[in-house]
Amino acid sequence: MDYKKAVSEAIKASGGRENISSVAHCATRLRLEVYDKDKIDMDLANNVEGAKGAMFNEGQLQIIFGTGTVNKVYDAYEQMEGRSDDFSEISDKAKANKAKNQKNPLKRAIKTFGDVFVPIIPVLVATGLFMGLRGLLTQEEVLAIFSMTPDDISPNFLMWTQILTDTAFAFLPALVAWSAFKVFGGSPVIGIVLGLMLVHPNLPNAYQVASGDASPIIMFGFIPVVGYQGTVLPAFISGFIGAKLERGLRKFIPDSLDLLLTPFLVLAIMSVLSLFAIGPVFHQLEVVVLEATKWTLGLPFGIAGLVIGGLQQLIVVTGIHHIFNFLEVQLLADTGRNAFNALLSAATAGQAGAVLAVAVKSKDTKIKQIAYPSALSAALGITEPAIFGINLRFVKPFVMAMVGGAAGGFFASIFKIAGTGMAVTVIPGTLLYLDNIFMYLLMLVISAGVAFVLTYLFGYSDKMLENK
């Protein structure tokens, strides 16, 4: 594949360089934010070199390349266009159109939240896999195969595994603050230090406070202060305000004093705000959200699984599905288990089953060439090729996939299936369920099987091609 050709065609499909305000990417899509939607050539966008489809959403032309490929396309973009996303030489008409096409505040907020989380997902994925492996290696049944007991495991080995599984969540505020500073235009290194302040060892550990083994520090006689290990919102808000403060200070502080005064003032001001105001307030808000999530997941008769397993892929269509990251991270940080992941796996498996049914049933060569790789991609946790290449294109397979996801989600809720990590689903997600792998695999079979059968019988026929 010619990645530079893909970049050139993507820019041309967007209406040219002068119509692009910024370029970014997620796990599967190259996202080109445009000023004027009317200048986009969707036919060209759908036929960009290596593209599996394209869509316009929230002011962005989103071209789907698939996992791995999109990173290489973006690397080619950086080599051709430079690392800066600032396309400043635009016409007044383009500026006016940008305001016209501006996203609503809620969607902008959700997108920004996703932008902050996407860079730190890889380490959370790795941590989740380590948790799964650690759980497997320390199970009595597994140890018995080697004529061992938990007492036979070296304490040093256990300490090493604990370092692997705990570090990312222990210092999660530093990761979130770093990413937030980067997204909002501040200095990422200041974000790292600010985030580390939230988990400084001199502060009472949040987990120990929760278990009753430690007590909060009472500041000024009424403000309870603890460490914020495993929290998200305090670091996110602190990163947002800190980055804006830094940018504001740089406008007034002389260049000769910038290196000395700007970091000093940002850290001095934000340490007070973060520890004594933002942290206590938003930590309590996180607790409320977490409890509401737990309540939803605990609804009887598998209702949570039906709803989330059935509807989650609709959120993927909008491109704002990263909002679930907050809930998954917080569930893991507080409970060590992630029931959401099982429901997302069910929804994803449903898409895999539906697109596989199309691949098997269709006699059209081009459909098969798209559907079979899309089924494999969905089985590995990436559903965009299946959704935009086949299922949503013909509508009925997408609906059948949602039914399959709801069936698998219902099963997962009834049997309380939950993972030890996040961000990987379906086949790769198996390592998150090593302590309950049979039920997890059965859930996947139910989701994919229901979607496959319904799609094969009622959801697709080659006659649909006549209307496409």
Foldseek 3Di string as FASTA:
>chain_A
DPLLQLLVLQQVQCQHLQQFAFWDDFQFWTKTQGLAPVSGNQVSLQVRVQFLHWDDFQRIIITGNHGPSVVVSVVSVCVVPNPDGGSPPYDPVSNVSNVVSHGDPVVVVLVLVLQLCRVVVVLQLQLQLLVLVVVQVQDQVNQVVVPDHNVPDDPVVVVVSCCSNQVCQQQVLLSSLLSLLVSQVHHSVLSNVLSCLLNPPVFAAPVCCVVVNDFFDDPPNHFGFGRDGLAHQLSNVLSNVLNVQLVVVVVPDDPVCNVPPSSVVSSVVSSCCSGGPSVRVVVVVLVVVQVVVVVLLQDPQLPSLLVCQQCLVVVVVNVSSSSCVNNQSNCCSPPLWGLSQLLLQLLLLLLLLLLVLCLVADPDPVSVVQSPVLSVSSQFPDNVSSCRNPCVVQVLLNNLLSNLSSQLRSLCSVVVQIFSGDDTHHPVRLSRRSVPNVSSVVSSCSSSVSSNVCCNVPNDDCVSVVVD
